Amino acid sequence: MAGNALNDFNPYLRGLYAPVADEANAEDLPVIGEIPRELHGAYFRNGPNPAAPPQGMHHWFDGDGMIHGIWFENGKARYRNRYVRTEDFELNGGSPLGGIFEASRDAPGRSVNYRDTANTDVIVHNGKLLALWYISGQPVAVDLETLETIGAENFGGALPRNMSAHSKTDPETRELVFFDYALYEPKMWTGVVSAQGDLTTFQEIALPGPRLPHDMGMTENYVILHDLPVIFSEQAIRNRLWQIHVADQPTRFGVVPRKGGEPKWFEFPTCYVYHVINSWEEGDEVVMAACKMVPNGLKPDPAYGPYAAMADVLALRAQPFHWRMNMKTGEGREEQIDDALSEFPVVNNDYAGRKTRYSYHVVFDDCIEQRFSGLMKYDLETGASERHDFPEGVYGSEPAFASRIGATEEDDGWLVTFTADRNGKSEALVIDARNLSATPVARVSLPQRVPAGFHGTWAKGV
């Protein structure tokens, strides 16, 4: 991809991460093995895919959002991919806002400070997909069957600000529970949207200073907000630059009633958390399972030139933990589940916000780039795990759990994921969640490569 010569050093514009040019459609895809007839629904995965060659310094988070989808029904599969047509995408490079390597800006009529790409997360709510952005942007509604962009979703004009990636949908109430944060203000917000798309709760939470959270927890009655010690420096705030450092302060989790009310804060040893596994209530305790970042032990690679620091920050290394917060006594405790490294966790979304026994994670290749060389299934009660390794030179995506039609047990279903190899070939894998280490029950050939990207989800068939 032509553009600024500096981007020849950028690992996230080449190889597994290089964008694809086409928006494709393919029906009745070739299959090795057999797609189970009890598998009915669609797997979607979001990620960055620059529509035009970047002219300046390019961060992986700057790429235009593109959703790849595969639909399963009656033992057959079809594929489609489409750009998420945000306001900035439609401006075709004419956005008044820049990428993360530039100073943030204000623009008339815009509620974000950086180019809003909706490239990070994708969730299902009210019969639509919502594409969400890491730094809090406008959620974008996308059609579940065609992946065509419907438009920015502001819930009838009621959304006061923005919505971050990793907002949650409640499988019982079908509510959307979300959070938002400001880059330069000591505030965070949380809210709830009904199953019908009406904003029912929205409140502001005061913080000691500006924060950079990434995820949140959700239980039946609470939201768990993250006050983490990775923050902007004072110089970065003055100059509105994306320059972070680790502050000498504890990690805090704020448990906030979903229907509104004051947060109850719990302090823990300093750490950073990118991704929550799941959260639930046990007696007086609110429990959050998540992946806690640990030092990666890798050194910045000078071969990446000006992108060495970016690649180092993106080298996620984390381990699964529980945090238990007693709402009566105010006591909190941290428990390690396992010392193996894994990230991008998912659960059976039918159990989101309720106690889950199983979670499914990606396993990172042992290098500085984000390459997912396998999957891990955890028993969150015992710490036992099972691993599925992709073939040599094949790398996966964050999976989604797909329940078997009529399933009554949590792990009765399949993991679905996209893979890509270094020769440009991509497949969708269907893996038995109860026999994770076995050969996939189906390998579905895709008509083009799916670039490495961010988060995925499963939408049940109707």
Protein backbone atom coordinates (compact mmCIF):
# COMPACT_ATOMS: atom_id res chain seq x y z
CA MET A 1 0.00 0.00 0.00
CA ALA A 2 1.62 3.24 -1.15
CA GLY A 3 1.77 6.29 1.09
CA ASN A 4 4.22 7.91 3.49
CA ALA A 5 7.62 6.16 3.25
CA LEU A 6 7.74 5.95 7.06
CA ASN A 7 4.93 3.43 6.84
CA ASP A 8 7.31 0.95 5.22
CA PHE A 9 8.38 0.33 8.85
CA ASN A 10 4.83 -0.11 10.12
CA PRO A 11 4.16 -3.80 10.92
CA TYR A 12 0.41 -3.17 11.09
CA LEU A 13 0.16 -2.20 7.42
CA ARG A 14 1.69 -5.34 5.93
CA GLY A 15 1.51 -9.11 5.98
CA LEU A 16 -1.34 -10.42 8.13
CA TYR A 17 -2.45 -6.84 8.85
CA ALA A 18 -2.43 -5.43 5.32
CA PRO A 19 -5.86 -4.13 4.27
CA VAL A 20 -7.97 -5.85 1.64
CA ALA A 21 -9.31 -3.83 -1.26
CA ASP A 22 -12.62 -5.54 -2.00
CA GLU A 23 -16.03 -5.70 -0.37
CA ALA A 24 -16.92 -9.26 -1.34
CA ASN A 25 -19.94 -11.58 -1.30
CA ALA A 26 -19.80 -15.36 -1.53
CA GLU A 27 -22.54 -18.00 -1.18
CA ASP A 28 -22.38 -21.73 -0.46
CA LEU A 29 -18.75 -21.70 0.61
CA PRO A 30 -16.51 -24.78 0.21
CA VAL A 31 -16.20 -26.82 3.43
CA ILE A 32 -13.68 -29.35 4.69
CA GLY A 33 -15.54 -31.45 7.25
CA GLU A 34 -19.17 -30.70 7.98
CA ILE A 35 -20.98 -27.64 9.31
CA PRO A 36 -23.32 -28.83 12.10
CA ARG A 37 -26.99 -28.32 11.25
CA GLU A 38 -27.54 -27.18 14.86
CA LEU A 39 -25.24 -24.21 14.14
CA HIS A 40 -27.51 -21.35 13.10
CA GLY A 41 -26.43 -17.72 13.19
CA ALA A 42 -23.57 -15.47 12.19
CA TYR A 43 -20.07 -14.64 13.37
CA PHE A 44 -18.89 -11.06 12.86
CA ARG A 45 -15.45 -9.59 13.39
CA ASN A 46 -14.44 -5.94 13.28
CA GLY A 47 -11.03 -4.46 12.60
CA PRO A 48 -9.01 -1.67 10.94
CA ASN A 49 -8.75 -1.61 7.15
CA PRO A 50 -7.47 1.72 5.74
CA ALA A 51 -9.47 2.60 2.62
CA ALA A 52 -6.67 4.83 1.32
CA PRO A 53 -2.89 4.75 1.84
CA PRO A 54 -2.04 6.65 5.05
CA GLN A 55 -0.11 9.81 4.28
CA GLY A 56 1.21 10.48 7.78
CA MET A 57 2.25 8.36 10.74
CA HIS A 58 -0.37 5.63 11.05
CA HIS A 59 -1.49 3.90 14.24
CA TRP A 60 -3.22 0.52 13.97
CA PHE A 61 -6.28 2.05 15.66
CA ASP A 62 -6.61 4.65 12.87
CA GLY A 63 -7.72 2.27 10.10
CA ASP A 64 -11.26 2.47 8.76
CA GLY A 65 -13.57 -0.08 10.37
CA MET A 66 -14.42 -3.16 8.32
CA ILE A 67 -16.73 -5.96 9.47
CA HIS A 68 -16.31 -9.48 8.11
CA GLY A 69 -19.27 -11.83 8.55
CA ILE A 70 -20.04 -15.49 7.97
CA TRP A 71 -23.62 -16.80 8.23
CA PHE A 72 -24.44 -20.47 8.98
CA GLU A 73 -27.74 -22.19 8.25
CA ASN A 74 -28.74 -25.74 7.28
CA GLY A 75 -25.15 -26.90 7.04
CA LYS A 76 -24.15 -24.14 4.60
CA ALA A 77 -22.22 -20.88 4.95
CA ARG A 78 -22.00 -17.52 3.20
CA TYR A 79 -19.51 -14.64 3.59
CA ARG A 80 -19.63 -10.88 3.19
CA ASN A 81 -17.46 -7.94 4.28
CA ARG A 82 -18.26 -4.24 4.32
CA TYR A 83 -16.70 -1.01 5.53
CA VAL A 84 -18.35 0.72 8.49
CA ARG A 85 -19.32 3.97 6.85
CA THR A 86 -18.78 6.44 9.68
CA GLU A 87 -18.98 10.18 9.13
CA ASP A 88 -15.20 10.28 8.78
CA PHE A 89 -15.22 7.43 6.24
CA GLU A 90 -17.77 9.27 4.12
CA LEU A 91 -15.59 12.40 4.18
CA ASN A 92 -13.07 10.33 2.15
CA GLY A 93 -9.94 11.64 3.83
CA GLY A 94 -11.37 15.11 4.35
CA SER A 95 -12.00 14.70 8.08
CA PRO A 96 -11.03 17.68 10.25
CA LEU A 97 -9.74 15.15 12.81
CA GLY A 98 -6.40 13.36 12.70
CA GLY A 99 -5.10 10.01 13.89
CA ILE A 100 -3.55 9.04 17.21
CA PHE A 101 -0.04 10.18 16.28
CA GLU A 102 -1.35 13.73 15.85
CA ALA A 103 -2.52 16.20 18.46
CA SER A 104 -6.23 15.82 19.11
CA ARG A 105 -8.53 18.52 17.77
CA ASP A 106 -11.97 19.99 18.23
CA ALA A 107 -14.28 20.26 15.25
CA PRO A 108 -17.70 21.96 15.00
CA GLY A 109 -20.52 19.51 15.57
CA ARG A 110 -18.20 16.66 16.51
CA SER A 111 -18.13 14.97 19.92
CA VAL A 112 -14.78 13.23 19.41
CA ASN A 113 -11.20 14.49 19.28
CA TYR A 114 -9.67 11.92 16.92
CA ARG A 115 -10.81 10.40 13.64
CA ASP A 116 -13.72 8.14 14.59
CA THR A 117 -13.36 4.80 12.79
CA ALA A 118 -15.80 2.45 14.65
CA ASN A 119 -13.20 -0.27 14.02
CA THR A 120 -12.85 -1.89 17.46
CA ASP A 121 -15.85 -3.80 18.71
CA VAL A 122 -19.12 -5.16 17.34
CA ILE A 123 -22.14 -6.14 19.44
CA VAL A 124 -25.79 -7.03 18.83
CA HIS A 125 -28.61 -4.86 20.17
CA ASN A 126 -32.22 -4.27 19.14
CA GLY A 127 -31.92 -6.33 15.95
CA LYS A 128 -28.84 -4.52 14.68
CA LEU A 129 -25.10 -4.69 14.93
CA LEU A 130 -23.38 -1.76 16.63
CA ALA A 131 -19.82 -0.98 15.57
CA LEU A 132 -17.95 0.71 18.42
CA TRP A 133 -14.66 2.56 18.72
CA TYR A 134 -11.88 2.24 21.29
CA ILE A 135 -11.57 5.91 22.29
CA SER A 136 -15.36 6.42 22.62
CA GLY A 137 -17.13 7.52 19.47
CA GLN A 138 -20.53 7.48 17.90
CA PRO A 139 -21.95 3.93 17.75
CA VAL A 140 -22.75 2.97 14.17
CA ALA A 141 -25.73 0.74 13.37
CA VAL A 142 -25.12 -1.98 10.78
CA ASP A 143 -27.60 -4.36 9.15
CA LEU A 144 -27.31 -7.93 10.50
CA GLU A 145 -27.98 -9.56 7.13
CA THR A 146 -26.12 -7.31 4.67
CA LEU A 147 -23.51 -5.45 6.78
CA GLU A 148 -24.63 -2.26 5.07
CA THR A 149 -24.27 0.78 7.33
CA ILE A 150 -27.59 2.14 8.60
CA GLY A 151 -26.02 5.21 10.23
CA ALA A 152 -24.84 6.70 13.49
CA GLU A 153 -27.00 5.45 16.37
CA ASN A 154 -27.96 8.13 18.91
CA PHE A 155 -31.12 6.41 20.20
CA GLY A 156 -33.58 8.95 18.91
CA GLY A 157 -31.28 11.86 19.74
CA ALA A 158 -31.10 10.88 23.43
CA LEU A 159 -27.41 9.81 23.60
CA PRO A 160 -25.76 12.73 25.44
CA ARG A 161 -22.16 11.94 24.47
CA ASN A 162 -20.36 8.92 23.03
CA MET A 163 -20.09 5.20 23.64
CA SER A 164 -16.91 3.22 24.16
CA ALA A 165 -16.01 -0.16 22.77
CA HIS A 166 -16.79 -3.06 25.14
CA SER A 167 -20.20 -1.87 26.11
CA LYS A 168 -22.41 -4.91 26.86
CA THR A 169 -25.81 -6.37 26.02
CA ASP A 170 -27.73 -8.19 28.74
CA PRO A 171 -29.06 -11.55 27.48
CA GLU A 172 -32.04 -11.51 29.87
CA THR A 173 -33.31 -7.93 29.62
CA ARG A 174 -31.75 -7.28 26.17
CA GLU A 175 -30.62 -3.89 27.50
CA LEU A 176 -27.44 -2.22 26.26
CA VAL A 177 -25.18 -1.21 29.15
CA PHE A 178 -22.45 1.23 28.14
CA PHE A 179 -19.75 3.59 29.33
CA ASP A 180 -17.98 6.65 27.98
CA TYR A 181 -14.90 8.60 29.04
CA ALA A 182 -13.23 11.92 28.26
CA LEU A 183 -9.58 12.16 27.26
CA TYR A 184 -8.84 15.40 29.14
CA GLU A 185 -11.53 15.65 31.83
CA PRO A 186 -11.72 13.87 35.22
CA LYS A 187 -15.02 12.21 34.36
CA MET A 188 -16.58 9.00 33.16
CA TRP A 189 -20.18 8.22 32.24
CA THR A 190 -22.35 5.13 32.22
CA GLY A 191 -25.84 4.46 30.92
CA VAL A 192 -28.45 1.92 29.90
CA VAL A 193 -30.50 1.67 26.70
CA SER A 194 -33.66 -0.47 26.73
CA ALA A 195 -34.25 -3.44 24.42
CA GLN A 196 -36.38 -1.10 22.28
CA GLY A 197 -33.64 1.53 21.94
CA ASP A 198 -34.70 4.07 24.60
CA LEU A 199 -32.09 5.67 26.87
CA THR A 200 -33.29 4.88 30.41
CA THR A 201 -30.26 5.74 32.59
CA PHE A 202 -27.30 8.07 32.17
CA GLN A 203 -25.00 9.38 34.89
CA GLU A 204 -21.66 11.10 35.31
CA ILE A 205 -18.97 9.65 37.57
CA ALA A 206 -16.29 11.93 39.02
CA LEU A 207 -12.66 10.76 38.90
CA PRO A 208 -9.43 12.03 40.45
CA GLY A 209 -8.14 12.86 36.96
CA PRO A 210 -8.53 11.99 33.27
CA ARG A 211 -8.37 8.24 32.67
CA LEU A 212 -7.89 5.81 29.77
CA PRO A 213 -10.05 2.74 30.51
CA HIS A 214 -10.70 0.13 27.85
CA ASP A 215 -13.44 -2.17 29.16
CA MET A 216 -16.07 -2.48 31.86
CA GLY A 217 -17.85 -5.20 33.81
CA MET A 218 -21.60 -5.85 33.82
CA THR A 219 -23.67 -7.91 36.26
CA GLU A 220 -27.43 -8.20 36.67
CA ASN A 221 -27.53 -5.09 38.89
CA TYR A 222 -24.19 -3.32 38.51
CA VAL A 223 -21.65 -1.78 36.16
CA ILE A 224 -17.96 -2.08 37.08
CA LEU A 225 -15.95 0.94 35.92
CA HIS A 226 -12.15 0.96 35.70
CA ASP A 227 -9.95 3.70 37.20
CA LEU A 228 -6.54 2.46 36.05
CA PRO A 229 -3.03 3.88 36.50
CA VAL A 230 -2.15 4.14 32.79
CA ILE A 231 -2.89 7.80 32.09
CA PHE A 232 -1.83 10.80 30.00
CA SER A 233 1.14 12.77 31.25
CA GLU A 234 0.58 16.40 32.24
CA GLN A 235 2.50 17.47 29.13
CA ALA A 236 0.28 15.26 26.98
CA ILE A 237 -2.86 16.85 28.47
CA ARG A 238 -1.50 20.37 27.89
CA ASN A 239 -0.55 19.58 24.28
CA ARG A 240 -3.40 17.12 23.65
CA LEU A 241 -1.06 14.34 22.61
CA TRP A 242 -1.43 10.57 22.94
CA GLN A 243 1.47 10.09 25.35
CA ILE A 244 0.78 7.70 28.24
CA HIS A 245 2.67 6.69 31.35
CA VAL A 246 2.11 4.45 34.36
CA ALA A 247 1.16 6.51 37.41
CA ASP A 248 2.12 5.63 40.98
CA GLN A 249 -1.42 4.94 42.14
CA PRO A 250 -3.56 1.88 42.86
CA THR A 251 -6.01 0.29 40.47
CA ARG A 252 -9.61 1.08 41.41
CA PHE A 253 -12.82 -0.59 40.32
CA GLY A 254 -16.07 1.32 40.84
CA VAL A 255 -19.24 -0.75 41.27
CA VAL A 256 -22.19 1.38 40.14
CA PRO A 257 -25.90 0.43 40.25
CA ARG A 258 -27.17 -0.02 36.70
CA LYS A 259 -30.33 1.94 37.55
CA GLY A 260 -28.25 4.84 38.85
CA GLY A 261 -26.51 5.66 42.12
CA GLU A 262 -23.16 6.39 43.69
CA PRO A 263 -20.20 4.11 42.89
CA LYS A 264 -18.56 1.99 45.57
CA TRP A 265 -14.80 2.02 44.93
CA PHE A 266 -12.42 -0.86 45.65
CA GLU A 267 -8.62 -0.50 45.56
CA PHE A 268 -6.23 -3.18 44.31
CA PRO A 269 -2.51 -3.37 43.50
CA THR A 270 -1.44 -1.34 40.48
CA CYS A 271 -2.22 -3.04 37.19
CA TYR A 272 -3.84 -2.46 33.81
CA VAL A 273 -6.77 -4.43 32.39
CA TYR A 274 -7.67 -4.34 28.72
CA HIS A 275 -10.37 -7.00 28.54
CA VAL A 276 -12.95 -8.35 30.96
CA ILE A 277 -13.89 -12.03 30.75
CA ASN A 278 -17.25 -11.73 32.56
CA SER A 279 -18.74 -10.39 35.80
CA TRP A 280 -21.45 -11.63 38.14
CA GLU A 281 -22.85 -11.49 41.69
CA GLU A 282 -22.22 -14.11 44.39
CA GLY A 283 -23.97 -13.36 47.66
CA ASP A 284 -22.57 -10.06 48.94
CA GLU A 285 -19.74 -10.09 46.40
CA VAL A 286 -19.48 -8.63 42.93
CA VAL A 287 -16.97 -10.72 40.98
CA MET A 288 -15.08 -9.64 37.88
CA ALA A 289 -12.92 -12.05 35.87
CA ALA A 290 -10.49 -10.31 33.52
CA CYS A 291 -7.07 -10.49 31.91
CA LYS A 292 -4.45 -8.63 33.94
CA MET A 293 -1.52 -7.18 32.01
CA VAL A 294 1.96 -8.38 32.97
CA PRO A 295 5.37 -7.15 31.72
CA ASN A 296 5.88 -8.54 28.23
CA GLY A 297 9.63 -9.08 28.58
CA LEU A 298 10.12 -8.03 24.96
CA LYS A 299 12.33 -5.19 23.78
CA PRO A 300 11.27 -2.64 21.16
CA ASP A 301 12.48 -3.81 17.75
CA PRO A 302 14.56 -1.16 15.92
CA ALA A 303 13.48 -2.76 12.64
CA TYR A 304 10.14 -1.00 13.16
CA GLY A 305 11.84 2.42 13.10
CA PRO A 306 9.47 5.14 14.36
CA TYR A 307 6.85 2.46 15.05
CA ALA A 308 8.93 0.54 17.61
CA ALA A 309 7.19 2.13 20.60
CA MET A 310 3.72 1.51 19.12
CA ALA A 311 4.52 -2.15 18.49
CA ASP A 312 5.82 -2.51 22.06
CA VAL A 313 2.61 -1.09 23.58
CA LEU A 314 0.48 -3.35 21.37
CA ALA A 315 2.34 -6.49 22.51
CA LEU A 316 -0.39 -7.65 24.89
CA ARG A 317 0.68 -10.11 27.57
CA ALA A 318 -1.87 -10.91 30.26
CA GLN A 319 -3.02 -13.59 32.68
CA PRO A 320 -6.57 -14.41 33.93
CA PHE A 321 -7.59 -13.16 37.40
CA HIS A 322 -10.67 -12.81 39.59
CA TRP A 323 -11.37 -9.62 41.55
CA ARG A 324 -13.91 -10.06 44.36
CA MET A 325 -15.59 -6.98 45.84
CA ASN A 326 -17.75 -7.33 48.96
CA MET A 327 -20.53 -4.75 48.79
CA LYS A 328 -21.28 -5.04 52.54
CA THR A 329 -17.81 -5.00 54.07
CA GLY A 330 -16.00 -2.97 51.40
CA GLU A 331 -13.25 -5.58 51.26
CA GLY A 332 -11.72 -6.68 47.98
CA ARG A 333 -9.38 -9.47 47.02
CA GLU A 334 -7.52 -10.47 43.89
CA GLU A 335 -7.10 -14.14 42.84
CA GLN A 336 -4.99 -15.47 39.99
CA ILE A 337 -6.67 -18.13 37.86
CA ASP A 338 -3.63 -19.23 35.83
CA ASP A 339 -0.13 -18.04 34.95
CA ALA A 340 -0.35 -18.83 31.21
CA LEU A 341 -0.54 -15.83 28.87
CA SER A 342 -3.78 -15.24 26.99
CA GLU A 343 -6.07 -12.37 26.02
CA PHE A 344 -9.17 -11.34 23.99
CA PRO A 345 -11.46 -13.46 26.22
CA VAL A 346 -15.04 -14.37 25.33
CA VAL A 347 -17.83 -16.34 27.04
CA ASN A 348 -21.15 -17.78 25.97
CA ASN A 349 -23.08 -14.50 25.74
CA ASP A 350 -26.26 -16.22 26.92
CA TYR A 351 -24.56 -16.07 30.35
CA ALA A 352 -23.13 -12.54 30.18
CA GLY A 353 -23.48 -10.83 33.57
CA ARG A 354 -24.19 -14.18 35.26
CA LYS A 355 -21.74 -16.65 36.72
CA THR A 356 -19.87 -18.52 34.02
CA ARG A 357 -17.62 -21.51 34.40
CA TYR A 358 -15.91 -21.35 31.01
CA SER A 359 -14.09 -18.71 29.00
CA TYR A 360 -12.27 -18.81 25.69
CA HIS A 361 -9.12 -16.80 24.95
CA VAL A 362 -6.60 -16.28 22.17
CA VAL A 363 -3.01 -17.42 22.70
CA PHE A 364 -0.33 -15.08 21.42
CA ASP A 365 2.57 -16.10 19.26
CA ASP A 366 5.82 -15.40 21.11
CA CYS A 367 6.70 -12.16 19.32
CA ILE A 368 6.07 -8.45 19.63
CA GLU A 369 3.29 -8.37 17.00
CA GLN A 370 -0.27 -9.36 17.87
CA ARG A 371 -0.41 -12.81 16.28
CA PHE A 372 -2.91 -15.31 17.67
CA SER A 373 -1.42 -18.79 17.25
CA GLY A 374 -4.12 -20.68 19.14
CA LEU A 375 -7.14 -20.69 21.44
CA MET A 376 -7.48 -21.57 25.13
CA LYS A 377 -10.53 -22.78 27.05
CA TYR A 378 -10.49 -22.06 30.80
CA ASP A 379 -12.44 -23.60 33.62
CA LEU A 380 -12.74 -20.47 35.77
CA GLU A 381 -13.52 -22.52 38.87
CA THR A 382 -10.51 -24.86 38.78
CA GLY A 383 -8.04 -23.03 36.53
CA ALA A 384 -7.84 -26.08 34.24
CA SER A 385 -7.34 -25.30 30.57
CA GLU A 386 -7.41 -26.89 27.14
CA ARG A 387 -5.63 -25.52 24.08
CA HIS A 388 -6.25 -25.53 20.35
CA ASP A 389 -3.18 -24.73 18.27
CA PHE A 390 -3.53 -23.48 14.72
CA PRO A 391 -1.20 -25.02 12.12
CA GLU A 392 2.27 -23.51 11.74
CA GLY A 393 2.06 -20.12 10.02
CA VAL A 394 -1.73 -19.81 10.53
CA TYR A 395 -3.12 -17.14 12.85
CA GLY A 396 -6.61 -16.59 14.22
CA SER A 397 -9.05 -13.91 15.35
CA GLU A 398 -10.92 -13.37 18.58
CA PRO A 399 -13.50 -16.18 18.51
CA ALA A 400 -17.17 -16.14 19.40
CA PHE A 401 -19.11 -18.83 21.19
CA ALA A 402 -22.05 -20.19 19.19
CA SER A 403 -24.59 -22.19 21.18
CA ARG A 404 -26.07 -25.35 19.76
CA ILE A 405 -29.77 -24.91 18.93
CA GLY A 406 -31.65 -26.04 22.04
CA ALA A 407 -28.55 -26.11 24.26
CA THR A 408 -29.16 -26.16 28.01
CA GLU A 409 -25.54 -26.25 29.20
CA GLU A 410 -23.04 -23.42 29.07
CA ASP A 411 -20.38 -25.04 26.88
CA ASP A 412 -22.70 -26.92 24.50
CA GLY A 413 -21.73 -25.32 21.22
CA TRP A 414 -18.82 -24.26 19.07
CA LEU A 415 -16.14 -21.62 18.80
CA VAL A 416 -16.09 -19.83 15.46
CA THR A 417 -13.05 -17.85 14.34
CA PHE A 418 -11.39 -16.54 11.19
CA THR A 419 -7.82 -17.53 10.34
CA ALA A 420 -5.28 -16.24 7.85
CA ASP A 421 -1.95 -17.64 6.72
CA ARG A 422 1.09 -15.94 5.23
CA ASN A 423 0.05 -16.95 1.71
CA GLY A 424 -3.12 -14.88 1.87
CA LYS A 425 -5.56 -17.75 2.45
CA SER A 426 -8.32 -17.38 5.04
CA GLU A 427 -10.78 -19.84 6.54
CA ALA A 428 -13.54 -19.82 9.12
CA LEU A 429 -13.08 -22.59 11.68
CA VAL A 430 -15.88 -24.29 13.62
CA ILE A 431 -14.39 -25.93 16.73
CA ASP A 432 -16.22 -28.12 19.24
CA ALA A 433 -16.15 -26.16 22.51
CA ARG A 434 -16.21 -29.43 24.48
CA ASN A 435 -13.27 -30.90 22.57
CA LEU A 436 -11.20 -27.81 21.91
CA SER A 437 -7.91 -29.52 21.10
CA ALA A 438 -9.47 -31.69 18.38
CA THR A 439 -9.44 -30.98 14.66
CA PRO A 440 -12.12 -28.40 13.72
CA VAL A 441 -15.43 -30.00 12.80
CA ALA A 442 -15.52 -27.66 9.78
CA ARG A 443 -13.04 -25.51 7.86
CA VAL A 444 -14.82 -23.07 5.58
CA SER A 445 -12.80 -21.55 2.74
CA LEU A 446 -13.23 -17.78 2.40
CA PRO A 447 -12.99 -15.89 -0.91
CA GLN A 448 -10.36 -13.48 0.36
CA ARG A 449 -7.97 -12.90 3.24
CA VAL A 450 -9.38 -11.55 6.50
CA PRO A 451 -6.74 -9.19 7.93
CA ALA A 452 -5.82 -9.57 11.60
CA GLY A 453 -8.09 -7.30 13.60
CA PHE A 454 -9.89 -6.75 16.86
CA HIS A 455 -13.16 -8.06 18.32
CA GLY A 456 -15.93 -10.38 17.24
CA THR A 457 -19.40 -11.51 18.28
CA TRP A 458 -22.06 -14.12 17.57
CA ALA A 459 -25.62 -13.33 16.49
CA LYS A 460 -28.16 -16.13 16.86
CA GLY A 461 -30.17 -17.08 13.81
CA VAL A 462 -33.89 -16.39 13.73
